[in-house]
C-alpha cells in the first residue's frame, strides 16, 4: 500500500525550464567572453541538479557565492513567468483527498520553494518539504528521501517518488523507493534509468499511481 508520494519541484510540479535557461543566459552575457557558446539543451540539463553543479560547470573560474547570488537575483525576476504543468493542481488535490501524504524533495532553497507553491495555492497540500537547506548532500544522494521516510515512519515500498531527471531517479533508487518520471520537458536519460513509468501528463500520472496501488 502506497502511503506517501514524494515530488520533485522544478520540471515536475512547475514548468521552470525557461526561467532557468533565461537566468543562465543573462549571466553568461554578463560574465563570459562574447565568443563563449553554450547550447539551450545544455542549459536545460541544469533543471535537475543542485545549482552548485551548474555554477561549477559554467563558471568554475568565478567565486561561487557571487554567481549564486547573481543567479538567485535573476530567477526572482523571471519568476513572474512561472507556471504549473497542466492538470497539476487538480491531480495533486485529488491525490491529497484520496488520502495520500504528499512531500517534496527539491534541490531548490526553501524560500523559493515556499514562494512558488504558495503562488499557486498548493503549499498546504504538502505535509513535509525537504530543500537544499535541509540536507548536507543533495540528489542523487538519498538523504532527502530518507528524511521523508523517517518523518512518516514508512518503508521505502510504501512511497513513490515523482520526478523528471536522472537525479530524481537515482536519489529514489538509492533509498530503494520506486519512482515515476514525468516527461513533459525534454530530458536525456542514462541507459540504466528504468522507472516504473514515464508519464507525459498529470492525468496519466494519476492513473499510474492508482493502478500501481491496487
N, C-alpha and C. Protein backbone atom coordinates (compact mmCIF):
# COMPACT_ATOMS: atom_id res chain seq x y z
N UNK A 1 0.85 -1.21 0.00
CA UNK A 1 0.00 0.00 0.00
C UNK A 1 0.88 1.25 0.00
N UNK A 2 0.61 2.16 -0.92
CA UNK A 2 1.37 3.41 -1.01
C UNK A 2 0.75 4.43 -0.05
N UNK A 3 1.60 4.99 0.80
CA UNK A 3 1.12 5.98 1.77
C UNK A 3 1.60 7.39 1.46
N UNK A 4 2.80 7.51 0.86
CA UNK A 4 3.41 8.82 0.65
C UNK A 4 3.88 8.97 -0.79
N UNK A 5 3.62 10.13 -1.37
CA UNK A 5 4.10 10.48 -2.71
C UNK A 5 5.10 11.61 -2.57
N UNK A 6 6.31 11.38 -3.08
CA UNK A 6 7.41 12.34 -2.93
C UNK A 6 7.69 13.02 -4.27
N UNK A 7 7.45 14.31 -4.34
CA UNK A 7 7.58 15.05 -5.59
C UNK A 7 8.85 15.90 -5.63
N UNK A 8 9.49 15.92 -6.78
CA UNK A 8 10.45 16.96 -7.11
C UNK A 8 9.63 18.21 -7.46
N UNK A 9 10.30 19.36 -7.63
CA UNK A 9 9.53 20.55 -7.96
C UNK A 9 9.81 21.04 -9.39
N UNK A 10 11.01 21.57 -9.65
CA UNK A 10 11.31 22.09 -10.99
C UNK A 10 11.25 21.00 -12.04
N UNK A 11 10.47 21.23 -13.09
CA UNK A 11 10.34 20.25 -14.16
C UNK A 11 9.37 19.14 -13.85
N UNK A 12 8.84 19.15 -12.62
CA UNK A 12 7.88 18.11 -12.20
C UNK A 12 6.55 18.74 -11.81
N UNK A 13 6.59 19.70 -10.88
CA UNK A 13 5.38 20.42 -10.50
C UNK A 13 5.29 21.73 -11.27
N UNK A 14 6.39 22.47 -11.30
CA UNK A 14 6.39 23.75 -12.01
C UNK A 14 7.23 23.66 -13.27
N UNK A 15 6.74 24.31 -14.31
CA UNK A 15 7.44 24.35 -15.59
C UNK A 15 8.40 25.54 -15.56
N UNK A 16 9.61 25.29 -15.12
CA UNK A 16 10.56 26.38 -14.87
C UNK A 16 11.76 26.36 -15.82
N UNK A 17 11.73 25.53 -16.84
CA UNK A 17 12.89 25.44 -17.74
C UNK A 17 13.26 26.79 -18.34
N UNK A 18 12.27 27.55 -18.80
CA UNK A 18 12.57 28.84 -19.44
C UNK A 18 13.17 29.82 -18.44
N UNK A 19 12.72 29.75 -17.19
CA UNK A 19 13.26 30.63 -16.15
C UNK A 19 14.74 30.32 -15.92
N UNK A 20 15.04 29.04 -15.80
CA UNK A 20 16.42 28.61 -15.58
C UNK A 20 17.30 28.97 -16.77
N UNK A 21 16.81 28.68 -17.97
CA UNK A 21 17.57 28.98 -19.18
C UNK A 21 17.82 30.48 -19.32
N UNK A 22 16.81 31.29 -19.13
CA UNK A 22 16.96 32.74 -19.29
C UNK A 22 17.87 33.34 -18.23
N UNK A 23 17.82 32.80 -17.02
CA UNK A 23 18.69 33.29 -15.94
C UNK A 23 20.16 33.04 -16.28
N UNK A 24 20.46 31.81 -16.72
CA UNK A 24 21.84 31.50 -17.07
C UNK A 24 22.30 32.26 -18.32
N UNK A 25 21.41 32.42 -19.27
CA UNK A 25 21.77 33.19 -20.47
C UNK A 25 22.19 34.61 -20.11
N UNK A 26 21.45 35.21 -19.18
CA UNK A 26 21.78 36.58 -18.77
C UNK A 26 23.13 36.64 -18.08
N UNK A 27 23.42 35.67 -17.20
CA UNK A 27 24.71 35.66 -16.51
C UNK A 27 25.86 35.39 -17.48
N UNK A 28 25.62 34.53 -18.46
CA UNK A 28 26.64 34.24 -19.47
C UNK A 28 26.96 35.51 -20.26
N UNK A 29 25.92 36.27 -20.62
CA UNK A 29 26.13 37.50 -21.38
C UNK A 29 26.90 38.55 -20.57
N UNK A 30 26.77 38.48 -19.25
CA UNK A 30 27.44 39.46 -18.39
C UNK A 30 28.87 39.07 -18.02
N UNK A 31 29.10 37.77 -17.80
CA UNK A 31 30.35 37.36 -17.17
C UNK A 31 31.20 36.38 -17.99
N UNK A 32 30.76 36.07 -19.19
CA UNK A 32 31.56 35.21 -20.05
C UNK A 32 32.03 36.00 -21.27
N UNK A 33 33.15 35.58 -21.90
CA UNK A 33 33.59 36.24 -23.13
C UNK A 33 32.51 36.18 -24.20
N UNK A 34 32.53 37.12 -25.12
CA UNK A 34 31.48 37.20 -26.14
C UNK A 34 31.47 35.99 -27.05
N UNK A 35 32.62 35.34 -27.17
CA UNK A 35 32.66 34.17 -28.06
C UNK A 35 32.31 32.86 -27.34
N UNK A 36 31.91 32.97 -26.05
CA UNK A 36 31.53 31.77 -25.31
C UNK A 36 30.17 31.29 -25.79
N UNK A 37 30.09 30.03 -26.17
CA UNK A 37 28.85 29.45 -26.68
C UNK A 37 28.39 28.29 -25.81
N UNK A 38 27.09 28.23 -25.57
CA UNK A 38 26.51 27.11 -24.83
C UNK A 38 25.12 26.83 -25.41
N UNK A 39 24.80 25.57 -25.59
CA UNK A 39 23.52 25.21 -26.21
C UNK A 39 22.38 25.30 -25.19
N UNK A 40 21.19 25.52 -25.71
CA UNK A 40 19.99 25.53 -24.86
C UNK A 40 19.79 24.15 -24.22
N UNK A 41 20.12 23.10 -24.96
CA UNK A 41 19.98 21.74 -24.41
C UNK A 41 20.86 21.56 -23.19
N UNK A 42 22.06 22.13 -23.23
CA UNK A 42 22.95 22.04 -22.07
C UNK A 42 22.37 22.84 -20.90
N UNK A 43 21.85 24.03 -21.16
CA UNK A 43 21.26 24.84 -20.10
C UNK A 43 20.04 24.14 -19.51
N UNK A 44 19.32 23.40 -20.34
CA UNK A 44 18.13 22.70 -19.89
C UNK A 44 18.47 21.61 -18.86
N UNK A 45 19.67 21.04 -18.97
CA UNK A 45 20.07 19.98 -18.03
C UNK A 45 20.25 20.53 -16.61
N UNK A 46 20.32 21.84 -16.45
CA UNK A 46 20.52 22.42 -15.13
C UNK A 46 19.23 22.45 -14.31
N UNK A 47 18.13 21.95 -14.88
CA UNK A 47 16.88 21.90 -14.14
C UNK A 47 16.90 20.82 -13.07
N UNK A 48 17.70 19.77 -13.26
CA UNK A 48 17.68 18.65 -12.33
C UNK A 48 18.62 18.77 -11.14
N UNK A 49 19.91 19.03 -11.38
CA UNK A 49 20.88 19.03 -10.28
C UNK A 49 20.82 20.28 -9.43
N UNK A 50 21.50 20.26 -8.27
CA UNK A 50 21.59 21.47 -7.46
C UNK A 50 22.34 22.57 -8.21
N UNK A 51 22.07 23.80 -7.83
CA UNK A 51 22.63 24.94 -8.56
C UNK A 51 24.16 24.94 -8.52
N UNK A 52 24.76 24.35 -7.48
CA UNK A 52 26.22 24.29 -7.41
C UNK A 52 26.81 23.53 -8.61
N UNK A 53 26.10 22.52 -9.08
CA UNK A 53 26.56 21.79 -10.26
C UNK A 53 26.65 22.71 -11.47
N UNK A 54 25.62 23.53 -11.66
CA UNK A 54 25.57 24.46 -12.79
C UNK A 54 26.68 25.50 -12.69
N UNK A 55 26.91 25.99 -11.47
CA UNK A 55 27.95 27.00 -11.28
C UNK A 55 29.33 26.42 -11.61
N UNK A 56 29.60 25.22 -11.12
CA UNK A 56 30.89 24.58 -11.40
C UNK A 56 31.07 24.28 -12.89
N UNK A 57 29.96 23.97 -13.56
CA UNK A 57 30.03 23.64 -14.97
C UNK A 57 30.21 24.88 -15.84
N UNK A 58 29.52 25.96 -15.50
CA UNK A 58 29.56 27.16 -16.33
C UNK A 58 30.59 28.19 -15.88
N UNK A 59 30.76 28.33 -14.56
CA UNK A 59 31.62 29.40 -14.03
C UNK A 59 32.65 28.86 -13.03
N UNK A 60 33.44 27.88 -13.42
CA UNK A 60 34.42 27.32 -12.47
C UNK A 60 35.48 28.33 -12.06
N UNK A 61 35.66 29.36 -12.88
CA UNK A 61 36.72 30.35 -12.62
C UNK A 61 36.26 31.48 -11.71
N UNK A 62 34.98 31.52 -11.36
CA UNK A 62 34.45 32.65 -10.61
C UNK A 62 34.06 32.25 -9.18
N UNK A 63 33.88 33.24 -8.34
CA UNK A 63 33.51 32.99 -6.95
C UNK A 63 32.11 32.39 -6.89
N UNK A 64 32.01 31.27 -6.22
CA UNK A 64 30.74 30.54 -6.18
C UNK A 64 29.62 31.36 -5.55
N UNK A 65 29.87 32.02 -4.43
CA UNK A 65 28.83 32.76 -3.73
C UNK A 65 28.35 33.95 -4.55
N UNK A 66 29.28 34.56 -5.27
CA UNK A 66 28.90 35.71 -6.13
C UNK A 66 27.94 35.26 -7.23
N UNK A 67 28.29 34.18 -7.93
CA UNK A 67 27.44 33.68 -9.02
C UNK A 67 26.11 33.17 -8.47
N UNK A 68 26.14 32.52 -7.31
CA UNK A 68 24.90 32.03 -6.71
C UNK A 68 23.96 33.19 -6.42
N UNK A 69 24.48 34.25 -5.85
CA UNK A 69 23.66 35.42 -5.55
C UNK A 69 23.12 36.06 -6.83
N UNK A 70 23.98 36.15 -7.85
CA UNK A 70 23.56 36.71 -9.13
C UNK A 70 22.46 35.86 -9.77
N UNK A 71 22.62 34.54 -9.69
CA UNK A 71 21.64 33.63 -10.27
C UNK A 71 20.29 33.75 -9.56
N UNK A 72 20.32 33.76 -8.25
CA UNK A 72 19.07 33.85 -7.49
C UNK A 72 18.38 35.19 -7.72
N UNK A 73 19.14 36.24 -7.92
CA UNK A 73 18.56 37.54 -8.25
C UNK A 73 17.83 37.47 -9.58
N UNK A 74 18.44 36.81 -10.57
CA UNK A 74 17.82 36.69 -11.89
C UNK A 74 16.57 35.82 -11.85
N UNK A 75 16.62 34.70 -11.14
CA UNK A 75 15.46 33.80 -11.13
C UNK A 75 14.26 34.48 -10.46
N UNK A 76 14.51 35.30 -9.45
CA UNK A 76 13.39 36.01 -8.81
C UNK A 76 12.72 36.94 -9.83
N UNK A 77 13.53 37.55 -10.68
CA UNK A 77 12.99 38.46 -11.69
C UNK A 77 12.13 37.69 -12.70
N UNK A 78 12.62 36.53 -13.12
CA UNK A 78 11.91 35.76 -14.15
C UNK A 78 10.75 34.94 -13.59
N UNK A 79 10.62 34.86 -12.28
CA UNK A 79 9.58 34.02 -11.70
C UNK A 79 8.17 34.55 -11.96
N UNK A 80 8.07 35.73 -12.51
CA UNK A 80 6.75 36.21 -12.94
C UNK A 80 6.19 35.33 -14.04
N UNK A 81 7.06 34.60 -14.75
CA UNK A 81 6.64 33.73 -15.85
C UNK A 81 6.40 32.29 -15.39
N UNK A 82 6.46 32.05 -14.09
CA UNK A 82 6.31 30.69 -13.57
C UNK A 82 4.92 30.15 -13.86
N UNK A 83 4.85 28.85 -14.18
CA UNK A 83 3.55 28.23 -14.40
C UNK A 83 3.57 26.77 -13.97
N UNK A 84 2.40 26.28 -13.59
CA UNK A 84 2.23 24.87 -13.26
C UNK A 84 2.01 24.08 -14.54
N UNK A 85 2.35 22.81 -14.50
CA UNK A 85 2.01 21.94 -15.62
C UNK A 85 0.50 21.72 -15.65
N UNK A 86 -0.01 21.43 -16.83
CA UNK A 86 -1.45 21.21 -17.00
C UNK A 86 -1.97 20.13 -16.04
N UNK A 87 -3.08 20.42 -15.41
CA UNK A 87 -3.80 19.49 -14.52
C UNK A 87 -3.03 19.17 -13.23
N UNK A 88 -1.91 19.83 -13.00
CA UNK A 88 -1.09 19.53 -11.82
C UNK A 88 -1.85 19.80 -10.53
N UNK A 89 -2.40 21.01 -10.38
CA UNK A 89 -3.08 21.37 -9.14
C UNK A 89 -4.26 20.45 -8.87
N UNK A 90 -5.02 20.16 -9.92
CA UNK A 90 -6.20 19.32 -9.77
C UNK A 90 -5.82 17.90 -9.34
N UNK A 91 -4.78 17.35 -9.95
CA UNK A 91 -4.37 15.99 -9.63
C UNK A 91 -3.74 15.92 -8.23
N UNK A 92 -2.91 16.89 -7.89
CA UNK A 92 -2.33 16.92 -6.54
C UNK A 92 -3.44 16.99 -5.48
N UNK A 93 -4.42 17.82 -5.74
CA UNK A 93 -5.54 17.95 -4.79
C UNK A 93 -6.32 16.63 -4.69
N UNK A 94 -6.52 15.98 -5.82
CA UNK A 94 -7.24 14.71 -5.81
C UNK A 94 -6.45 13.64 -5.05
N UNK A 95 -5.14 13.58 -5.29
CA UNK A 95 -4.31 12.61 -4.57
C UNK A 95 -4.35 12.89 -3.07
N UNK A 96 -4.29 14.15 -2.70
CA UNK A 96 -4.38 14.55 -1.29
C UNK A 96 -5.71 14.12 -0.70
N UNK A 97 -6.80 14.36 -1.43
CA UNK A 97 -8.13 13.98 -0.95
C UNK A 97 -8.33 12.47 -0.93
N UNK A 98 -7.56 11.76 -1.75
CA UNK A 98 -7.61 10.29 -1.75
C UNK A 98 -6.93 9.69 -0.52
N UNK A 99 -6.22 10.54 0.23
CA UNK A 99 -5.61 10.07 1.46
C UNK A 99 -4.10 9.89 1.43
N UNK A 100 -3.49 10.18 0.29
CA UNK A 100 -2.03 10.09 0.22
C UNK A 100 -1.41 11.29 0.93
N UNK A 101 -0.30 11.05 1.63
CA UNK A 101 0.51 12.13 2.17
C UNK A 101 1.45 12.61 1.07
N UNK A 102 1.57 13.92 0.90
CA UNK A 102 2.41 14.48 -0.14
C UNK A 102 3.63 15.14 0.47
N UNK A 103 4.78 14.91 -0.16
CA UNK A 103 6.05 15.50 0.30
C UNK A 103 6.80 16.03 -0.92
N UNK A 104 7.78 16.87 -0.64
CA UNK A 104 8.65 17.40 -1.70
C UNK A 104 10.09 17.19 -1.29
N UNK A 105 10.91 16.74 -2.24
CA UNK A 105 12.36 16.74 -2.09
C UNK A 105 12.91 17.49 -3.30
N UNK A 106 13.48 18.67 -3.07
CA UNK A 106 13.95 19.52 -4.15
C UNK A 106 15.34 20.07 -3.84
N UNK A 107 16.08 20.38 -4.89
CA UNK A 107 17.40 21.00 -4.72
C UNK A 107 17.29 22.52 -4.63
N UNK A 108 16.09 23.06 -4.74
CA UNK A 108 15.87 24.50 -4.60
C UNK A 108 15.88 24.86 -3.11
N UNK A 109 16.15 26.14 -2.80
CA UNK A 109 16.13 26.54 -1.40
C UNK A 109 14.69 26.71 -0.91
N UNK A 110 14.52 26.76 0.41
CA UNK A 110 13.16 26.76 0.98
C UNK A 110 12.40 28.03 0.62
N UNK A 111 13.08 29.17 0.62
CA UNK A 111 12.39 30.43 0.33
C UNK A 111 11.69 30.39 -1.03
N UNK A 112 12.41 29.96 -2.07
CA UNK A 112 11.82 29.95 -3.40
C UNK A 112 10.83 28.80 -3.56
N UNK A 113 11.07 27.69 -2.86
CA UNK A 113 10.12 26.58 -2.91
C UNK A 113 8.78 27.02 -2.34
N UNK A 114 8.80 27.61 -1.15
CA UNK A 114 7.57 28.06 -0.49
C UNK A 114 6.86 29.13 -1.33
N UNK A 115 7.63 30.08 -1.84
CA UNK A 115 7.05 31.15 -2.63
C UNK A 115 6.38 30.60 -3.89
N UNK A 116 7.02 29.63 -4.53
CA UNK A 116 6.48 29.05 -5.76
C UNK A 116 5.18 28.30 -5.48
N UNK A 117 5.18 27.48 -4.43
CA UNK A 117 4.00 26.68 -4.12
C UNK A 117 2.85 27.57 -3.63
N UNK A 118 3.15 28.59 -2.86
CA UNK A 118 2.11 29.49 -2.37
C UNK A 118 1.48 30.28 -3.51
N UNK A 119 2.27 30.58 -4.51
CA UNK A 119 1.75 31.35 -5.65
C UNK A 119 0.58 30.63 -6.31
N UNK A 120 0.66 29.30 -6.33
CA UNK A 120 -0.39 28.51 -6.97
C UNK A 120 -1.33 27.85 -5.96
N UNK A 121 -1.22 28.29 -4.71
CA UNK A 121 -2.09 27.84 -3.62
C UNK A 121 -2.08 26.32 -3.46
N UNK A 122 -0.87 25.75 -3.49
CA UNK A 122 -0.73 24.30 -3.27
C UNK A 122 0.26 24.00 -2.14
N UNK A 123 0.79 25.01 -1.50
CA UNK A 123 1.77 24.80 -0.43
C UNK A 123 1.20 23.91 0.68
N UNK A 124 -0.04 24.13 1.04
CA UNK A 124 -0.64 23.40 2.16
C UNK A 124 -0.98 21.95 1.83
N UNK A 125 -0.84 21.55 0.58
CA UNK A 125 -1.06 20.15 0.22
C UNK A 125 0.09 19.26 0.69
N UNK A 126 1.26 19.88 0.94
CA UNK A 126 2.47 19.12 1.25
C UNK A 126 2.74 19.16 2.75
N UNK A 127 2.76 17.97 3.35
CA UNK A 127 2.99 17.88 4.79
C UNK A 127 4.45 18.05 5.15
N UNK A 128 5.35 17.65 4.25
CA UNK A 128 6.78 17.66 4.58
C UNK A 128 7.57 18.08 3.35
N UNK A 129 8.47 19.05 3.54
CA UNK A 129 9.26 19.58 2.43
C UNK A 129 10.74 19.54 2.78
N UNK A 130 11.53 18.91 1.91
CA UNK A 130 12.99 18.86 2.06
C UNK A 130 13.60 19.69 0.93
N UNK A 131 14.40 20.70 1.30
CA UNK A 131 15.08 21.53 0.31
C UNK A 131 16.59 21.41 0.49
N UNK A 132 17.34 22.15 -0.31
CA UNK A 132 18.80 22.10 -0.17
C UNK A 132 19.25 22.63 1.17
N UNK A 133 18.38 23.42 1.85
CA UNK A 133 18.70 23.94 3.17
C UNK A 133 18.59 22.87 4.26
N UNK A 134 17.92 21.75 3.92
CA UNK A 134 17.60 20.73 4.93
C UNK A 134 18.60 19.59 4.99
N UNK A 135 19.49 19.50 3.99
CA UNK A 135 20.36 18.33 3.87
C UNK A 135 21.82 18.74 3.70
N UNK A 136 22.71 17.80 4.00
CA UNK A 136 24.13 18.00 3.73
C UNK A 136 24.48 17.62 2.30
N UNK A 137 23.77 16.60 1.80
CA UNK A 137 24.03 16.10 0.45
C UNK A 137 22.73 16.07 -0.35
N UNK A 138 22.76 16.71 -1.53
CA UNK A 138 21.56 16.77 -2.36
C UNK A 138 21.52 15.58 -3.32
N UNK A 139 20.45 15.48 -4.11
CA UNK A 139 20.30 14.40 -5.07
C UNK A 139 21.54 14.32 -5.98
N UNK A 140 21.98 13.13 -6.32
CA UNK A 140 21.34 11.82 -6.19
C UNK A 140 21.54 11.12 -4.85
N UNK A 141 22.17 11.80 -3.88
CA UNK A 141 22.27 11.22 -2.54
C UNK A 141 20.85 11.00 -1.99
N UNK A 142 20.62 9.88 -1.29
CA UNK A 142 19.27 9.58 -0.80
C UNK A 142 18.89 10.28 0.49
N UNK A 143 19.74 11.20 0.98
CA UNK A 143 19.46 11.81 2.29
C UNK A 143 18.06 12.42 2.36
N UNK A 144 17.69 13.18 1.34
CA UNK A 144 16.37 13.82 1.36
C UNK A 144 15.24 12.80 1.36
N UNK A 145 15.39 11.75 0.55
CA UNK A 145 14.38 10.70 0.51
C UNK A 145 14.26 9.99 1.87
N UNK A 146 15.41 9.74 2.47
CA UNK A 146 15.41 9.07 3.78
C UNK A 146 14.77 9.93 4.87
N UNK A 147 14.93 11.25 4.75
CA UNK A 147 14.27 12.14 5.71
C UNK A 147 12.75 12.02 5.61
N UNK A 148 12.26 11.87 4.38
CA UNK A 148 10.82 11.70 4.19
C UNK A 148 10.35 10.39 4.80
N UNK A 149 11.08 9.30 4.52
CA UNK A 149 10.71 8.00 5.09
C UNK A 149 10.68 8.06 6.61
N UNK A 150 11.67 8.73 7.19
CA UNK A 150 11.76 8.84 8.64
C UNK A 150 10.61 9.69 9.20
N UNK A 151 10.32 10.79 8.53
CA UNK A 151 9.25 11.69 9.01
C UNK A 151 7.92 10.96 9.08
N UNK A 152 7.60 10.19 8.05
CA UNK A 152 6.31 9.50 8.00
C UNK A 152 6.37 8.10 8.62
N UNK A 153 7.58 7.68 9.02
CA UNK A 153 7.76 6.35 9.62
C UNK A 153 7.21 5.25 8.71
N UNK A 154 7.69 5.27 7.46
CA UNK A 154 7.23 4.28 6.48
C UNK A 154 8.42 3.55 5.88
N UNK A 155 8.13 2.44 5.22
CA UNK A 155 9.13 1.68 4.48
C UNK A 155 9.26 2.24 3.06
N UNK A 156 10.40 2.02 2.40
CA UNK A 156 10.57 2.54 1.04
C UNK A 156 9.48 2.10 0.07
N UNK A 157 9.02 0.86 0.21
CA UNK A 157 7.99 0.36 -0.70
C UNK A 157 6.62 0.97 -0.45
N UNK A 158 6.49 1.79 0.59
CA UNK A 158 5.23 2.46 0.87
C UNK A 158 5.21 3.88 0.30
N UNK A 159 6.22 4.20 -0.50
CA UNK A 159 6.31 5.52 -1.12
C UNK A 159 6.54 5.38 -2.62
N UNK A 160 6.23 6.44 -3.34
CA UNK A 160 6.60 6.57 -4.75
C UNK A 160 7.22 7.94 -4.93
N UNK A 161 8.34 7.98 -5.63
CA UNK A 161 8.98 9.25 -5.97
C UNK A 161 8.52 9.67 -7.37
N UNK A 162 8.22 10.95 -7.52
CA UNK A 162 7.81 11.51 -8.81
C UNK A 162 8.76 12.65 -9.16
N UNK A 163 9.55 12.47 -10.21
CA UNK A 163 10.50 13.50 -10.62
C UNK A 163 10.56 13.60 -12.13
N UNK A 164 11.62 14.26 -12.62
CA UNK A 164 11.76 14.39 -14.07
C UNK A 164 13.17 14.10 -14.55
N UNK A 165 14.14 14.05 -13.65
CA UNK A 165 15.54 13.92 -14.06
C UNK A 165 16.18 12.66 -13.51
N UNK A 166 17.36 12.35 -14.04
CA UNK A 166 18.14 11.22 -13.53
C UNK A 166 18.47 11.41 -12.06
N UNK A 167 18.67 12.65 -11.63
CA UNK A 167 18.97 12.93 -10.23
C UNK A 167 17.83 12.46 -9.33
N UNK A 168 16.61 12.69 -9.78
CA UNK A 168 15.44 12.24 -9.01
C UNK A 168 15.39 10.71 -8.97
N UNK A 169 15.62 10.11 -10.13
CA UNK A 169 15.57 8.65 -10.23
C UNK A 169 16.61 8.00 -9.32
N UNK A 170 17.85 8.48 -9.39
CA UNK A 170 18.92 7.85 -8.61
C UNK A 170 18.76 8.11 -7.11
N UNK A 171 18.26 9.28 -6.74
CA UNK A 171 18.01 9.55 -5.32
C UNK A 171 16.99 8.57 -4.76
N UNK A 172 15.93 8.32 -5.55
CA UNK A 172 14.91 7.35 -5.13
C UNK A 172 15.47 5.94 -5.10
N UNK A 173 16.20 5.58 -6.15
CA UNK A 173 16.78 4.24 -6.23
C UNK A 173 17.73 3.98 -5.07
N UNK A 174 18.53 4.99 -4.73
CA UNK A 174 19.49 4.85 -3.62
C UNK A 174 18.79 4.71 -2.27
N UNK A 175 17.52 5.10 -2.21
CA UNK A 175 16.73 4.93 -0.99
C UNK A 175 15.77 3.74 -1.12
N UNK A 176 15.88 2.99 -2.23
CA UNK A 176 15.03 1.81 -2.50
C UNK A 176 13.56 2.17 -2.68
N UNK A 177 13.30 3.39 -3.15
CA UNK A 177 11.94 3.85 -3.39
C UNK A 177 11.61 3.74 -4.88
N UNK A 178 10.49 3.13 -5.24
CA UNK A 178 10.10 3.09 -6.66
C UNK A 178 9.81 4.50 -7.17
N UNK A 179 10.03 4.72 -8.46
CA UNK A 179 9.87 6.08 -8.96
C UNK A 179 9.17 6.12 -10.31
N UNK A 180 8.56 7.26 -10.55
CA UNK A 180 7.94 7.61 -11.83
C UNK A 180 8.63 8.88 -12.32
N UNK A 181 8.90 8.95 -13.61
CA UNK A 181 9.50 10.15 -14.18
C UNK A 181 8.50 10.83 -15.12
N UNK A 182 8.33 12.13 -14.93
CA UNK A 182 7.47 12.92 -15.81
C UNK A 182 8.27 13.33 -17.04
N UNK A 183 7.58 13.36 -18.19
CA UNK A 183 8.30 13.63 -19.44
C UNK A 183 7.71 14.80 -20.21
N UNK A 184 7.16 15.79 -19.49
CA UNK A 184 6.64 16.97 -20.16
C UNK A 184 7.76 17.84 -20.72
N UNK A 185 8.92 17.83 -20.06
CA UNK A 185 10.08 18.59 -20.52
C UNK A 185 11.07 17.67 -21.22
N UNK A 186 11.89 18.27 -22.08
CA UNK A 186 12.91 17.49 -22.79
C UNK A 186 14.02 17.11 -21.81
N UNK A 187 14.26 15.81 -21.66
CA UNK A 187 15.32 15.32 -20.78
C UNK A 187 16.05 14.17 -21.47
N UNK A 188 17.35 14.12 -21.28
CA UNK A 188 18.15 12.99 -21.74
C UNK A 188 18.45 12.12 -20.54
N UNK A 189 18.20 10.81 -20.64
CA UNK A 189 18.38 9.92 -19.51
C UNK A 189 19.48 8.90 -19.78
N UNK A 190 20.19 8.52 -18.72
CA UNK A 190 21.18 7.46 -18.82
C UNK A 190 20.50 6.14 -19.16
N UNK A 191 21.26 5.24 -19.76
CA UNK A 191 20.69 3.97 -20.23
C UNK A 191 20.13 3.11 -19.10
N UNK A 192 20.71 3.25 -17.89
CA UNK A 192 20.25 2.38 -16.80
C UNK A 192 19.12 3.00 -15.98
N UNK A 193 18.59 4.13 -16.43
CA UNK A 193 17.44 4.73 -15.76
C UNK A 193 16.18 3.97 -16.18
N UNK A 194 15.52 3.36 -15.21
CA UNK A 194 14.40 2.46 -15.51
C UNK A 194 13.27 2.65 -14.49
N UNK A 195 12.51 3.74 -14.60
CA UNK A 195 11.43 3.99 -13.64
C UNK A 195 10.24 3.05 -13.87
N UNK A 196 9.30 3.11 -12.96
CA UNK A 196 8.07 2.35 -13.15
C UNK A 196 7.37 2.76 -14.44
N UNK A 197 7.45 4.07 -14.74
CA UNK A 197 6.73 4.60 -15.90
C UNK A 197 7.25 6.00 -16.21
N UNK A 198 7.26 6.35 -17.49
CA UNK A 198 7.42 7.74 -17.92
C UNK A 198 6.01 8.27 -18.18
N UNK A 199 5.63 9.32 -17.50
CA UNK A 199 4.29 9.89 -17.67
C UNK A 199 4.37 11.23 -18.38
N UNK A 200 3.58 11.40 -19.41
CA UNK A 200 3.63 12.63 -20.19
C UNK A 200 2.60 13.67 -19.74
N UNK A 201 1.83 13.34 -18.70
CA UNK A 201 0.84 14.29 -18.19
C UNK A 201 0.48 13.91 -16.75
N UNK A 202 -0.16 14.85 -16.06
CA UNK A 202 -0.61 14.57 -14.70
C UNK A 202 -1.80 13.62 -14.67
N UNK A 203 -2.61 13.66 -15.70
CA UNK A 203 -3.72 12.71 -15.76
C UNK A 203 -3.19 11.28 -15.89
N UNK A 204 -2.13 11.11 -16.67
CA UNK A 204 -1.50 9.80 -16.79
C UNK A 204 -0.84 9.39 -15.48
N UNK A 205 -0.23 10.36 -14.80
CA UNK A 205 0.39 10.08 -13.51
C UNK A 205 -0.65 9.56 -12.51
N UNK A 206 -1.80 10.21 -12.46
CA UNK A 206 -2.83 9.79 -11.51
C UNK A 206 -3.24 8.34 -11.77
N UNK A 207 -3.45 8.01 -13.03
CA UNK A 207 -3.85 6.65 -13.38
C UNK A 207 -2.77 5.65 -13.01
N UNK A 208 -1.50 6.00 -13.26
CA UNK A 208 -0.40 5.09 -12.95
C UNK A 208 -0.29 4.83 -11.45
N UNK A 209 -0.44 5.86 -10.65
CA UNK A 209 -0.36 5.70 -9.20
C UNK A 209 -1.51 4.81 -8.71
N UNK A 210 -2.72 5.06 -9.19
CA UNK A 210 -3.87 4.29 -8.75
C UNK A 210 -3.76 2.82 -9.21
N UNK A 211 -3.26 2.61 -10.42
CA UNK A 211 -3.08 1.24 -10.91
C UNK A 211 -2.01 0.50 -10.11
N UNK A 212 -0.93 1.20 -9.78
CA UNK A 212 0.16 0.59 -9.02
C UNK A 212 -0.26 0.26 -7.60
N UNK A 213 -1.16 1.07 -7.05
CA UNK A 213 -1.53 0.96 -5.65
C UNK A 213 -2.81 0.14 -5.44
N UNK A 214 -3.07 -0.79 -6.33
CA UNK A 214 -4.25 -1.65 -6.19
C UNK A 214 -4.01 -2.73 -5.15
